[in-house]
């Protein structure tokens, strides 16, 4: 199955380079390009991509704001922050907004390909530097609503980096049921993204800390 990608970056040369590189992989289809967050949001609505590669520093609407809108309005689309910025505020802001991944622009080519494929499957993807900052910064909710036993099982597997399909197989339930459980978990924990949920799980001992 082809993974449909939108590239959002205000530098045309970056978009062009990423597009040429990604189209070398038969599993990828670059279906749109945006030069700011507002364009990225419009393309998310119009094209319903599987993954958006989102720069953070863009005019009109910045990447973090755009990520928040995309995740609220087009929840089937996953967003990877792909940026040259490694400030705590940017990392935490992107993940709180709902980014499933945070990668730096100097990420190796094969790592980027692997991360896009994993994100399309609902797997959290963080550069080691970003993960280290997040474990420090993302606070667990004060008093989260209690999860059901099944939701706890799903959260444990999610924290281990498992994709929806793998979670479904492990728990012998349907993939759509996994998605429903994940939505419920995010709601109960009061977080926007699987990444935050995974970090919370690690903080309470449900998964390995990076």
N, C-alpha and C. Protein backbone atom coordinates (compact mmCIF):
# COMPACT_ATOMS: atom_id res chain seq x y z
N UNK A 1 0.84 -1.19 0.00
CA UNK A 1 0.00 0.00 0.00
C UNK A 1 0.88 1.26 0.00
N UNK A 2 0.57 2.21 -0.87
CA UNK A 2 1.38 3.43 -0.98
C UNK A 2 1.10 4.37 0.18
N UNK A 3 2.16 4.98 0.70
CA UNK A 3 2.03 5.98 1.75
C UNK A 3 2.00 7.36 1.09
N UNK A 4 0.90 8.08 1.30
CA UNK A 4 0.69 9.38 0.63
C UNK A 4 1.23 10.49 1.54
N UNK A 5 2.15 11.28 0.98
CA UNK A 5 2.90 12.25 1.80
C UNK A 5 2.70 13.68 1.28
N UNK A 6 2.58 14.62 2.23
CA UNK A 6 2.63 16.05 1.91
C UNK A 6 3.88 16.61 2.59
N UNK A 7 4.63 17.44 1.86
CA UNK A 7 5.84 18.08 2.40
C UNK A 7 5.52 19.56 2.65
N UNK A 8 5.70 20.00 3.90
CA UNK A 8 5.46 21.40 4.22
C UNK A 8 6.77 22.04 4.69
N UNK A 9 7.28 22.95 3.87
CA UNK A 9 8.53 23.65 4.18
C UNK A 9 8.56 24.94 3.37
N UNK A 10 9.02 26.03 3.98
CA UNK A 10 8.98 27.31 3.24
C UNK A 10 10.16 27.46 2.28
N UNK A 11 11.07 26.50 2.26
CA UNK A 11 12.19 26.56 1.31
C UNK A 11 11.95 25.59 0.15
N UNK A 12 11.80 26.15 -1.06
CA UNK A 12 11.51 25.34 -2.24
C UNK A 12 12.58 24.27 -2.48
N UNK A 13 13.84 24.62 -2.22
CA UNK A 13 14.93 23.69 -2.48
C UNK A 13 14.85 22.48 -1.53
N UNK A 14 14.38 22.71 -0.31
CA UNK A 14 14.22 21.60 0.65
C UNK A 14 13.08 20.69 0.19
N UNK A 15 11.96 21.31 -0.20
CA UNK A 15 10.81 20.52 -0.69
C UNK A 15 11.21 19.69 -1.89
N UNK A 16 11.94 20.31 -2.83
CA UNK A 16 12.34 19.63 -4.06
C UNK A 16 13.26 18.45 -3.75
N UNK A 17 14.23 18.70 -2.88
CA UNK A 17 15.18 17.65 -2.51
C UNK A 17 14.50 16.47 -1.83
N UNK A 18 13.61 16.79 -0.89
CA UNK A 18 12.88 15.73 -0.18
C UNK A 18 12.01 14.93 -1.14
N UNK A 19 11.35 15.64 -2.03
CA UNK A 19 10.43 14.98 -2.98
C UNK A 19 11.21 14.01 -3.87
N UNK A 20 12.31 14.47 -4.46
CA UNK A 20 13.10 13.60 -5.35
C UNK A 20 13.60 12.37 -4.61
N UNK A 21 14.04 12.60 -3.38
CA UNK A 21 14.58 11.51 -2.57
C UNK A 21 13.47 10.50 -2.20
N UNK A 22 12.31 11.02 -1.78
CA UNK A 22 11.22 10.13 -1.34
C UNK A 22 10.63 9.33 -2.50
N UNK A 23 10.57 9.95 -3.68
CA UNK A 23 9.97 9.27 -4.82
C UNK A 23 10.83 8.12 -5.35
N UNK A 24 12.06 8.02 -4.83
CA UNK A 24 12.91 6.85 -5.17
C UNK A 24 12.36 5.57 -4.54
N UNK A 25 11.54 5.75 -3.49
CA UNK A 25 10.98 4.59 -2.79
C UNK A 25 9.59 4.29 -3.34
N UNK A 26 9.38 3.09 -3.89
CA UNK A 26 8.09 2.77 -4.52
C UNK A 26 6.90 2.79 -3.55
N UNK A 27 7.19 2.77 -2.24
CA UNK A 27 6.09 2.80 -1.26
C UNK A 27 5.58 4.20 -0.99
N UNK A 28 6.29 5.22 -1.50
CA UNK A 28 5.92 6.61 -1.21
C UNK A 28 5.30 7.30 -2.43
N UNK A 29 4.32 8.16 -2.15
CA UNK A 29 3.76 9.02 -3.19
C UNK A 29 3.64 10.42 -2.60
N UNK A 30 4.43 11.36 -3.11
CA UNK A 30 4.34 12.75 -2.62
C UNK A 30 3.19 13.42 -3.36
N UNK A 31 2.09 13.67 -2.65
CA UNK A 31 0.86 14.13 -3.31
C UNK A 31 0.66 15.64 -3.20
N UNK A 32 1.52 16.32 -2.43
CA UNK A 32 1.34 17.76 -2.32
C UNK A 32 2.51 18.43 -1.61
N UNK A 33 2.67 19.74 -1.88
CA UNK A 33 3.70 20.54 -1.22
C UNK A 33 3.08 21.81 -0.69
N UNK A 34 3.53 22.25 0.49
CA UNK A 34 3.03 23.48 1.09
C UNK A 34 4.21 24.34 1.52
N UNK A 35 4.07 25.67 1.39
CA UNK A 35 5.18 26.53 1.81
C UNK A 35 4.91 27.24 3.13
N UNK A 36 3.75 26.93 3.75
CA UNK A 36 3.50 27.43 5.11
C UNK A 36 2.45 26.54 5.78
N UNK A 37 2.23 26.77 7.06
CA UNK A 37 1.32 25.92 7.82
C UNK A 37 -0.12 25.97 7.34
N UNK A 38 -0.55 27.14 6.90
CA UNK A 38 -1.94 27.29 6.43
C UNK A 38 -2.16 26.44 5.18
N UNK A 39 -1.19 26.44 4.27
CA UNK A 39 -1.29 25.61 3.06
C UNK A 39 -1.29 24.13 3.43
N UNK A 40 -0.46 23.78 4.41
CA UNK A 40 -0.38 22.37 4.85
C UNK A 40 -1.73 21.92 5.39
N UNK A 41 -2.38 22.78 6.16
CA UNK A 41 -3.70 22.44 6.73
C UNK A 41 -4.73 22.26 5.62
N UNK A 42 -4.70 23.16 4.63
CA UNK A 42 -5.65 23.05 3.51
C UNK A 42 -5.43 21.74 2.75
N UNK A 43 -4.16 21.38 2.52
CA UNK A 43 -3.86 20.14 1.81
C UNK A 43 -4.28 18.92 2.63
N UNK A 44 -4.16 19.02 3.95
CA UNK A 44 -4.60 17.91 4.82
C UNK A 44 -6.09 17.67 4.63
N UNK A 45 -6.87 18.75 4.56
CA UNK A 45 -8.32 18.63 4.34
C UNK A 45 -8.63 18.12 2.93
N UNK A 46 -7.94 18.69 1.93
CA UNK A 46 -8.27 18.39 0.54
C UNK A 46 -7.78 17.01 0.09
N UNK A 47 -6.57 16.62 0.52
CA UNK A 47 -5.92 15.43 -0.02
C UNK A 47 -5.91 14.24 0.94
N UNK A 48 -6.15 14.53 2.23
CA UNK A 48 -6.14 13.46 3.26
C UNK A 48 -4.90 12.56 3.17
N UNK A 49 -3.71 13.15 3.29
CA UNK A 49 -2.47 12.36 3.23
C UNK A 49 -2.34 11.45 4.44
N UNK A 50 -1.48 10.44 4.31
CA UNK A 50 -1.19 9.57 5.45
C UNK A 50 -0.23 10.26 6.42
N UNK A 51 0.75 10.96 5.84
CA UNK A 51 1.79 11.61 6.66
C UNK A 51 2.10 12.99 6.09
N UNK A 52 2.26 13.97 6.98
CA UNK A 52 2.79 15.28 6.59
C UNK A 52 4.15 15.46 7.24
N UNK A 53 5.16 15.82 6.44
CA UNK A 53 6.47 16.22 6.98
C UNK A 53 6.40 17.72 7.18
N UNK A 54 6.43 18.18 8.42
CA UNK A 54 6.13 19.57 8.74
C UNK A 54 7.35 20.30 9.31
N UNK A 55 7.81 21.32 8.57
CA UNK A 55 8.83 22.20 9.13
C UNK A 55 8.14 23.02 10.23
N UNK A 56 8.90 23.52 11.20
CA UNK A 56 8.28 24.27 12.29
C UNK A 56 8.33 25.77 12.07
N UNK A 57 9.43 26.28 11.48
CA UNK A 57 9.56 27.72 11.29
C UNK A 57 9.10 28.09 9.88
N UNK A 58 7.83 28.51 9.79
CA UNK A 58 7.26 28.88 8.49
C UNK A 58 6.40 30.14 8.65
N UNK A 59 6.27 30.91 7.56
CA UNK A 59 5.43 32.11 7.63
C UNK A 59 3.94 31.77 7.62
N UNK A 60 3.10 32.80 7.79
CA UNK A 60 1.63 32.73 7.76
C UNK A 60 1.09 31.92 8.95
N UNK A 61 1.41 30.63 9.00
CA UNK A 61 1.06 29.80 10.16
C UNK A 61 2.26 28.90 10.45
N UNK A 62 2.76 28.95 11.68
CA UNK A 62 3.96 28.15 11.99
C UNK A 62 3.58 26.67 12.08
N UNK A 63 4.61 25.83 12.09
CA UNK A 63 4.40 24.38 12.06
C UNK A 63 3.66 23.85 13.27
N UNK A 64 3.97 24.35 14.46
CA UNK A 64 3.33 23.83 15.68
C UNK A 64 1.83 24.12 15.66
N UNK A 65 1.47 25.34 15.28
CA UNK A 65 0.04 25.69 15.17
C UNK A 65 -0.64 24.80 14.13
N UNK A 66 0.03 24.61 12.99
CA UNK A 66 -0.54 23.78 11.92
C UNK A 66 -0.73 22.33 12.39
N UNK A 67 0.25 21.80 13.13
CA UNK A 67 0.14 20.43 13.64
C UNK A 67 -1.11 20.29 14.50
N UNK A 68 -1.33 21.25 15.39
CA UNK A 68 -2.51 21.22 16.26
C UNK A 68 -3.80 21.16 15.47
N UNK A 69 -3.90 22.02 14.43
CA UNK A 69 -5.12 22.04 13.59
C UNK A 69 -5.29 20.73 12.83
N UNK A 70 -4.20 20.23 12.25
CA UNK A 70 -4.28 18.99 11.47
C UNK A 70 -4.76 17.84 12.36
N UNK A 71 -4.18 17.71 13.55
CA UNK A 71 -4.53 16.58 14.42
C UNK A 71 -5.97 16.67 14.92
N UNK A 72 -6.46 17.88 15.12
CA UNK A 72 -7.86 18.04 15.57
C UNK A 72 -8.84 17.82 14.42
N UNK A 73 -8.48 18.35 13.26
CA UNK A 73 -9.44 18.39 12.14
C UNK A 73 -9.29 17.21 11.17
N UNK A 74 -8.09 16.63 11.10
CA UNK A 74 -7.84 15.51 10.18
C UNK A 74 -7.09 14.41 10.94
N UNK A 75 -7.74 13.79 11.93
CA UNK A 75 -7.03 12.86 12.83
C UNK A 75 -6.43 11.63 12.15
N UNK A 76 -6.86 11.33 10.92
CA UNK A 76 -6.29 10.17 10.22
C UNK A 76 -4.90 10.47 9.67
N UNK A 77 -4.55 11.75 9.61
CA UNK A 77 -3.23 12.15 9.09
C UNK A 77 -2.24 12.27 10.23
N UNK A 78 -1.10 11.58 10.11
CA UNK A 78 -0.04 11.69 11.11
C UNK A 78 0.95 12.78 10.66
N UNK A 79 1.53 13.47 11.63
CA UNK A 79 2.47 14.55 11.31
C UNK A 79 3.82 14.28 11.96
N UNK A 80 4.88 14.37 11.15
CA UNK A 80 6.25 14.31 11.67
C UNK A 80 6.83 15.72 11.57
N UNK A 81 7.28 16.25 12.70
CA UNK A 81 8.01 17.51 12.67
C UNK A 81 9.40 17.21 12.12
N UNK A 82 9.76 17.88 11.03
CA UNK A 82 11.08 17.70 10.41
C UNK A 82 11.74 19.07 10.39
N UNK A 83 12.68 19.30 11.28
CA UNK A 83 13.13 20.65 11.53
C UNK A 83 14.63 20.70 11.83
N UNK A 84 15.18 21.90 11.78
CA UNK A 84 16.58 22.07 12.18
C UNK A 84 16.67 22.57 13.61
N UNK A 85 15.50 22.75 14.24
CA UNK A 85 15.45 23.34 15.59
C UNK A 85 15.37 22.25 16.65
N UNK A 86 16.26 22.33 17.65
CA UNK A 86 16.19 21.38 18.76
C UNK A 86 16.14 22.18 20.07
N UNK A 87 15.12 23.04 20.20
CA UNK A 87 14.92 23.75 21.46
C UNK A 87 13.83 23.02 22.22
N UNK A 88 13.95 23.02 23.54
CA UNK A 88 12.94 22.31 24.35
C UNK A 88 11.53 22.76 24.00
N UNK A 89 11.34 24.08 23.85
CA UNK A 89 9.99 24.60 23.59
C UNK A 89 9.43 24.07 22.28
N UNK A 90 10.30 23.93 21.28
CA UNK A 90 9.84 23.43 19.98
C UNK A 90 9.48 21.95 20.05
N UNK A 91 10.35 21.17 20.69
CA UNK A 91 10.11 19.73 20.80
C UNK A 91 8.81 19.48 21.57
N UNK A 92 8.70 20.10 22.73
CA UNK A 92 7.52 19.89 23.58
C UNK A 92 6.27 20.44 22.89
N UNK A 93 6.41 21.62 22.27
CA UNK A 93 5.26 22.23 21.59
C UNK A 93 4.73 21.35 20.47
N UNK A 94 5.65 20.79 19.66
CA UNK A 94 5.23 19.95 18.53
C UNK A 94 4.53 18.69 19.02
N UNK A 95 5.07 18.07 20.06
CA UNK A 95 4.49 16.82 20.57
C UNK A 95 3.15 17.09 21.25
N UNK A 96 3.09 18.19 22.02
CA UNK A 96 1.81 18.55 22.65
C UNK A 96 0.75 18.83 21.60
N UNK A 97 1.17 19.41 20.48
CA UNK A 97 0.22 19.73 19.40
C UNK A 97 -0.28 18.46 18.71
N UNK A 98 0.49 17.37 18.84
CA UNK A 98 0.02 16.11 18.26
C UNK A 98 0.94 15.44 17.27
N UNK A 99 2.19 15.95 17.13
CA UNK A 99 3.13 15.30 16.20
C UNK A 99 3.45 13.89 16.70
N UNK A 100 3.46 12.93 15.78
CA UNK A 100 3.81 11.55 16.16
C UNK A 100 5.32 11.36 16.16
N UNK A 101 6.02 12.29 15.49
CA UNK A 101 7.47 12.17 15.40
C UNK A 101 8.14 13.52 15.42
N UNK A 102 9.42 13.52 15.78
CA UNK A 102 10.21 14.75 15.78
C UNK A 102 11.60 14.37 15.30
N UNK A 103 11.92 14.79 14.08
CA UNK A 103 13.21 14.44 13.47
C UNK A 103 13.94 15.71 13.08
N UNK A 104 15.25 15.64 13.14
CA UNK A 104 16.07 16.78 12.71
C UNK A 104 16.41 16.63 11.23
N UNK A 105 16.64 17.77 10.58
CA UNK A 105 16.90 17.74 9.13
C UNK A 105 18.22 17.06 8.78
N UNK A 106 19.07 16.85 9.78
CA UNK A 106 20.31 16.13 9.48
C UNK A 106 20.16 14.62 9.71
N UNK A 107 18.90 14.17 9.89
CA UNK A 107 18.62 12.73 10.03
C UNK A 107 19.11 11.99 8.79
N UNK A 108 19.70 10.81 8.99
CA UNK A 108 20.17 9.99 7.86
C UNK A 108 18.99 9.57 6.98
N UNK A 109 19.25 9.43 5.68
CA UNK A 109 18.20 9.12 4.71
C UNK A 109 17.43 7.85 5.07
N UNK A 110 18.14 6.77 5.42
CA UNK A 110 17.43 5.53 5.71
C UNK A 110 16.59 5.64 6.98
N UNK A 111 17.06 6.46 7.92
CA UNK A 111 16.31 6.69 9.16
C UNK A 111 15.01 7.45 8.87
N UNK A 112 15.08 8.42 7.97
CA UNK A 112 13.89 9.19 7.60
C UNK A 112 12.86 8.28 6.93
N UNK A 113 13.32 7.44 6.02
CA UNK A 113 12.41 6.50 5.32
C UNK A 113 11.74 5.57 6.33
N UNK A 114 12.55 5.02 7.25
CA UNK A 114 12.00 4.11 8.25
C UNK A 114 10.97 4.83 9.14
N UNK A 115 11.28 6.08 9.48
CA UNK A 115 10.40 6.84 10.37
C UNK A 115 9.06 7.16 9.71
N UNK A 116 9.09 7.48 8.41
CA UNK A 116 7.84 7.79 7.70
C UNK A 116 6.97 6.53 7.64
N UNK A 117 7.59 5.41 7.33
CA UNK A 117 6.82 4.15 7.24
C UNK A 117 6.24 3.78 8.61
N UNK A 118 7.03 3.99 9.66
CA UNK A 118 6.56 3.68 11.02
C UNK A 118 5.43 4.62 11.42
N UNK A 119 5.57 5.92 11.11
CA UNK A 119 4.53 6.89 11.47
C UNK A 119 3.22 6.58 10.77
N UNK A 120 3.31 6.14 9.51
CA UNK A 120 2.10 5.78 8.77
C UNK A 120 1.38 4.61 9.45
N UNK A 121 2.14 3.80 10.19
CA UNK A 121 1.56 2.68 10.94
C UNK A 121 1.20 3.07 12.37
N UNK A 122 1.34 4.37 12.69
CA UNK A 122 0.98 4.81 14.03
C UNK A 122 2.05 4.61 15.08
N UNK A 123 3.32 4.47 14.65
CA UNK A 123 4.40 4.27 15.62
C UNK A 123 5.11 5.59 15.92
N UNK A 124 5.34 5.84 17.18
CA UNK A 124 6.01 7.05 17.63
C UNK A 124 7.46 7.06 17.13
N UNK A 125 7.88 8.20 16.55
CA UNK A 125 9.24 8.32 16.00
C UNK A 125 9.90 9.60 16.51
N UNK A 126 10.90 9.45 17.37
CA UNK A 126 11.59 10.62 17.91
C UNK A 126 13.09 10.47 17.69
N UNK A 127 13.74 11.57 17.31
CA UNK A 127 15.20 11.51 17.28
C UNK A 127 15.66 11.32 18.72
N UNK A 128 16.79 10.64 18.95
CA UNK A 128 17.25 10.40 20.32
C UNK A 128 17.37 11.70 21.13
N UNK A 129 17.82 12.78 20.46
CA UNK A 129 17.97 14.05 21.16
C UNK A 129 16.61 14.58 21.62
N UNK A 130 15.61 14.46 20.73
CA UNK A 130 14.26 14.96 21.07
C UNK A 130 13.66 14.11 22.19
N UNK A 131 13.85 12.81 22.12
CA UNK A 131 13.30 11.91 23.14
C UNK A 131 13.87 12.26 24.52
N UNK A 132 15.16 12.53 24.57
CA UNK A 132 15.80 12.87 25.85
C UNK A 132 15.17 14.13 26.45
N UNK A 133 14.90 15.11 25.60
CA UNK A 133 14.31 16.35 26.09
C UNK A 133 12.86 16.14 26.53
N UNK A 134 12.15 15.31 25.79
CA UNK A 134 10.73 15.09 26.10
C UNK A 134 10.54 14.36 27.42
N UNK A 135 11.37 13.39 27.69
CA UNK A 135 11.22 12.64 28.94
C UNK A 135 11.35 13.60 30.12
N UNK A 136 12.21 14.61 29.97
CA UNK A 136 12.35 15.62 31.03
C UNK A 136 11.14 16.55 31.08
N UNK A 137 10.64 16.93 29.91
CA UNK A 137 9.71 18.05 29.83
C UNK A 137 8.23 17.71 29.88
N UNK A 138 7.85 16.59 29.25
CA UNK A 138 6.41 16.31 29.17
C UNK A 138 5.94 15.73 30.50
N UNK A 139 5.13 16.48 31.18
CA UNK A 139 4.64 16.06 32.49
C UNK A 139 3.46 15.13 32.36
N UNK A 140 3.40 14.17 33.25
CA UNK A 140 2.22 13.29 33.30
C UNK A 140 1.03 14.12 33.77
N UNK A 141 -0.18 13.79 33.30
CA UNK A 141 -1.36 14.51 33.77
C UNK A 141 -1.52 14.38 35.29
N UNK A 142 -2.08 15.41 35.91
CA UNK A 142 -2.20 15.44 37.37
C UNK A 142 -3.00 14.24 37.90
N UNK A 143 -4.21 14.12 37.41
CA UNK A 143 -5.05 12.99 37.90
C UNK A 143 -5.82 12.43 36.71
N UNK A 144 -5.15 11.61 35.90
CA UNK A 144 -5.82 11.09 34.71
C UNK A 144 -6.99 10.19 35.08
N UNK A 145 -8.00 10.19 34.21
CA UNK A 145 -9.11 9.25 34.40
C UNK A 145 -8.53 7.84 34.33
N UNK A 146 -9.06 6.95 35.12
CA UNK A 146 -8.48 5.60 35.12
C UNK A 146 -8.80 4.88 33.82
N UNK A 147 -7.81 4.15 33.32
CA UNK A 147 -7.96 3.39 32.08
C UNK A 147 -8.53 2.02 32.40
N UNK A 148 -9.25 1.45 31.46
CA UNK A 148 -9.71 0.08 31.62
C UNK A 148 -8.51 -0.85 31.46
N UNK A 149 -8.71 -2.10 31.83
CA UNK A 149 -7.62 -3.08 31.71
C UNK A 149 -7.15 -3.20 30.26
N UNK A 150 -8.11 -3.23 29.33
CA UNK A 150 -7.76 -3.35 27.91
C UNK A 150 -7.02 -2.11 27.42
N UNK A 151 -7.46 -0.93 27.86
CA UNK A 151 -6.79 0.31 27.46
C UNK A 151 -5.35 0.32 28.00
N UNK A 152 -5.15 -0.20 29.20
CA UNK A 152 -3.81 -0.28 29.78
C UNK A 152 -2.94 -1.20 28.94
N UNK A 153 -3.51 -2.32 28.48
CA UNK A 153 -2.78 -3.25 27.60
C UNK A 153 -2.35 -2.54 26.32
N UNK A 154 -3.29 -1.79 25.73
CA UNK A 154 -3.01 -1.06 24.48
C UNK A 154 -1.91 -0.02 24.72
N UNK A 155 -2.01 0.71 25.85
CA UNK A 155 -1.03 1.75 26.16
C UNK A 155 0.36 1.16 26.37
N UNK A 156 0.42 0.00 27.01
CA UNK A 156 1.72 -0.66 27.25
C UNK A 156 2.39 -0.99 25.90
N UNK A 157 1.61 -1.53 24.97
CA UNK A 157 2.16 -1.90 23.66
C UNK A 157 2.51 -0.66 22.85
N UNK A 158 1.70 0.38 22.99
CA UNK A 158 1.96 1.64 22.30
C UNK A 158 3.29 2.22 22.79
N UNK A 159 3.53 2.13 24.11
CA UNK A 159 4.77 2.66 24.69
C UNK A 159 5.99 1.86 24.23
N UNK A 160 5.76 0.62 23.80
CA UNK A 160 6.86 -0.20 23.27
C UNK A 160 7.13 0.09 21.80
N UNK A 161 6.36 1.05 21.24
CA UNK A 161 6.58 1.44 19.85
C UNK A 161 5.84 0.57 18.84
N UNK A 162 4.86 -0.18 19.31
CA UNK A 162 4.12 -1.07 18.40
C UNK A 162 3.13 -0.28 17.54
N UNK A 163 2.96 -0.72 16.30
CA UNK A 163 1.98 -0.14 15.39
C UNK A 163 0.59 -0.70 15.71
N UNK A 164 -0.45 -0.02 15.22
CA UNK A 164 -1.83 -0.48 15.45
C UNK A 164 -2.01 -1.94 15.05
N UNK A 165 -1.45 -2.29 13.90
CA UNK A 165 -1.61 -3.67 13.39
C UNK A 165 -0.99 -4.67 14.36
N UNK A 166 0.19 -4.32 14.90
CA UNK A 166 0.88 -5.21 15.84
C UNK A 166 0.12 -5.33 17.17
N UNK A 167 -0.43 -4.20 17.61
CA UNK A 167 -1.22 -4.20 18.86
C UNK A 167 -2.46 -5.08 18.66
N UNK A 168 -3.11 -4.93 17.51
CA UNK A 168 -4.31 -5.73 17.21
C UNK A 168 -3.97 -7.22 17.24
N UNK A 169 -2.84 -7.56 16.63
CA UNK A 169 -2.43 -8.97 16.56
C UNK A 169 -2.13 -9.51 17.96
N UNK A 170 -1.42 -8.71 18.76
CA UNK A 170 -1.02 -9.15 20.10
C UNK A 170 -2.23 -9.36 21.02
N UNK A 171 -3.25 -8.51 20.87
CA UNK A 171 -4.40 -8.57 21.77
C UNK A 171 -5.59 -9.32 21.16
N UNK A 172 -5.37 -9.80 19.92
CA UNK A 172 -6.42 -10.53 19.17
C UNK A 172 -7.71 -9.70 19.11
N UNK A 173 -7.57 -8.46 18.65
CA UNK A 173 -8.72 -7.58 18.41
C UNK A 173 -8.54 -6.91 17.05
N UNK A 174 -9.58 -6.24 16.56
CA UNK A 174 -9.51 -5.59 15.25
C UNK A 174 -8.70 -4.30 15.31
N UNK A 175 -8.15 -3.91 14.16
CA UNK A 175 -7.35 -2.68 14.09
C UNK A 175 -8.20 -1.45 14.43
N UNK A 176 -9.46 -1.45 13.97
CA UNK A 176 -10.34 -0.32 14.29
C UNK A 176 -10.61 -0.24 15.78
N UNK A 177 -10.69 -1.40 16.43
CA UNK A 177 -10.89 -1.42 17.89
C UNK A 177 -9.68 -0.81 18.58
N UNK A 178 -8.48 -1.09 18.06
CA UNK A 178 -7.26 -0.48 18.62
C UNK A 178 -7.35 1.03 18.51
N UNK A 179 -7.75 1.53 17.33
CA UNK A 179 -7.86 2.98 17.12
C UNK A 179 -8.84 3.61 18.11
N UNK A 180 -9.95 2.91 18.36
CA UNK A 180 -10.96 3.40 19.31
C UNK A 180 -10.36 3.47 20.71
N UNK A 181 -9.62 2.42 21.09
CA UNK A 181 -8.98 2.42 22.41
C UNK A 181 -7.96 3.55 22.53
N UNK A 182 -7.17 3.77 21.47
CA UNK A 182 -6.16 4.83 21.50
C UNK A 182 -6.83 6.19 21.67
N UNK A 183 -7.91 6.44 20.94
CA UNK A 183 -8.65 7.71 21.07
C UNK A 183 -9.13 7.90 22.51
N UNK A 184 -9.66 6.83 23.09
CA UNK A 184 -10.15 6.87 24.47
C UNK A 184 -9.02 7.16 25.45
N UNK A 185 -7.86 6.52 25.22
CA UNK A 185 -6.69 6.73 26.09
C UNK A 185 -6.26 8.20 26.06
N UNK A 186 -6.17 8.77 24.85
CA UNK A 186 -5.75 10.18 24.71
C UNK A 186 -6.72 11.09 25.45
N UNK A 187 -8.00 10.81 25.30
CA UNK A 187 -9.04 11.61 25.94
C UNK A 187 -8.91 11.53 27.46
N UNK A 188 -8.76 10.32 27.97
CA UNK A 188 -8.70 10.14 29.43
C UNK A 188 -7.43 10.75 30.03
N UNK A 189 -6.32 10.66 29.29
CA UNK A 189 -5.06 11.21 29.80
C UNK A 189 -4.97 12.71 29.58
N UNK A 190 -5.87 13.24 28.74
CA UNK A 190 -5.86 14.67 28.46
C UNK A 190 -4.66 15.08 27.63
N UNK A 191 -4.23 14.19 26.70
CA UNK A 191 -3.09 14.50 25.83
C UNK A 191 -3.53 14.46 24.37
N UNK A 192 -2.71 15.09 23.51
CA UNK A 192 -3.09 15.24 22.10
C UNK A 192 -2.53 14.13 21.21
N UNK A 193 -1.47 13.47 21.65
CA UNK A 193 -0.78 12.58 20.72
C UNK A 193 -0.38 11.26 21.36
N UNK A 194 -0.18 10.27 20.50
CA UNK A 194 0.32 8.96 20.93
C UNK A 194 1.68 9.12 21.59
N UNK A 195 2.46 10.09 21.10
CA UNK A 195 3.80 10.30 21.65
C UNK A 195 3.72 10.67 23.13
N UNK A 196 2.81 11.62 23.46
CA UNK A 196 2.64 12.01 24.85
C UNK A 196 2.14 10.83 25.69
N UNK A 197 1.21 10.07 25.13
CA UNK A 197 0.67 8.91 25.86
C UNK A 197 1.79 7.91 26.13
N UNK A 198 2.65 7.69 25.14
CA UNK A 198 3.76 6.74 25.30
C UNK A 198 4.73 7.22 26.37
N UNK A 199 5.01 8.53 26.38
CA UNK A 199 5.92 9.08 27.39
C UNK A 199 5.32 8.96 28.78
N UNK A 200 4.01 9.21 28.87
CA UNK A 200 3.32 9.06 30.16
C UNK A 200 3.43 7.61 30.64
N UNK A 201 3.21 6.66 29.71
CA UNK A 201 3.28 5.24 30.06
C UNK A 201 4.67 4.90 30.59
N UNK A 202 5.70 5.47 29.96
CA UNK A 202 7.07 5.19 30.39
C UNK A 202 7.32 5.77 31.79
N UNK A 203 6.74 6.97 32.02
CA UNK A 203 6.93 7.61 33.32
C UNK A 203 6.30 6.80 34.46
N UNK A 204 5.18 6.11 34.17
CA UNK A 204 4.54 5.33 35.24
C UNK A 204 4.97 3.86 35.20
N UNK A 205 6.00 3.58 34.37
CA UNK A 205 6.59 2.24 34.41
C UNK A 205 5.96 1.23 33.49
N UNK A 206 5.16 1.69 32.51
CA UNK A 206 4.51 0.75 31.58
C UNK A 206 5.39 0.43 30.37
N UNK A 207 6.43 1.21 30.17
CA UNK A 207 7.27 0.97 28.99
C UNK A 207 8.69 1.42 29.27
N UNK A 208 9.62 1.11 28.39
CA UNK A 208 11.03 1.45 28.62
C UNK A 208 11.27 2.95 28.48
N UNK A 209 12.03 3.53 29.37
CA UNK A 209 12.44 4.93 29.21
C UNK A 209 13.62 4.98 28.25
N UNK A 210 13.64 6.00 27.38
CA UNK A 210 14.77 6.13 26.44
C UNK A 210 16.04 6.43 27.21
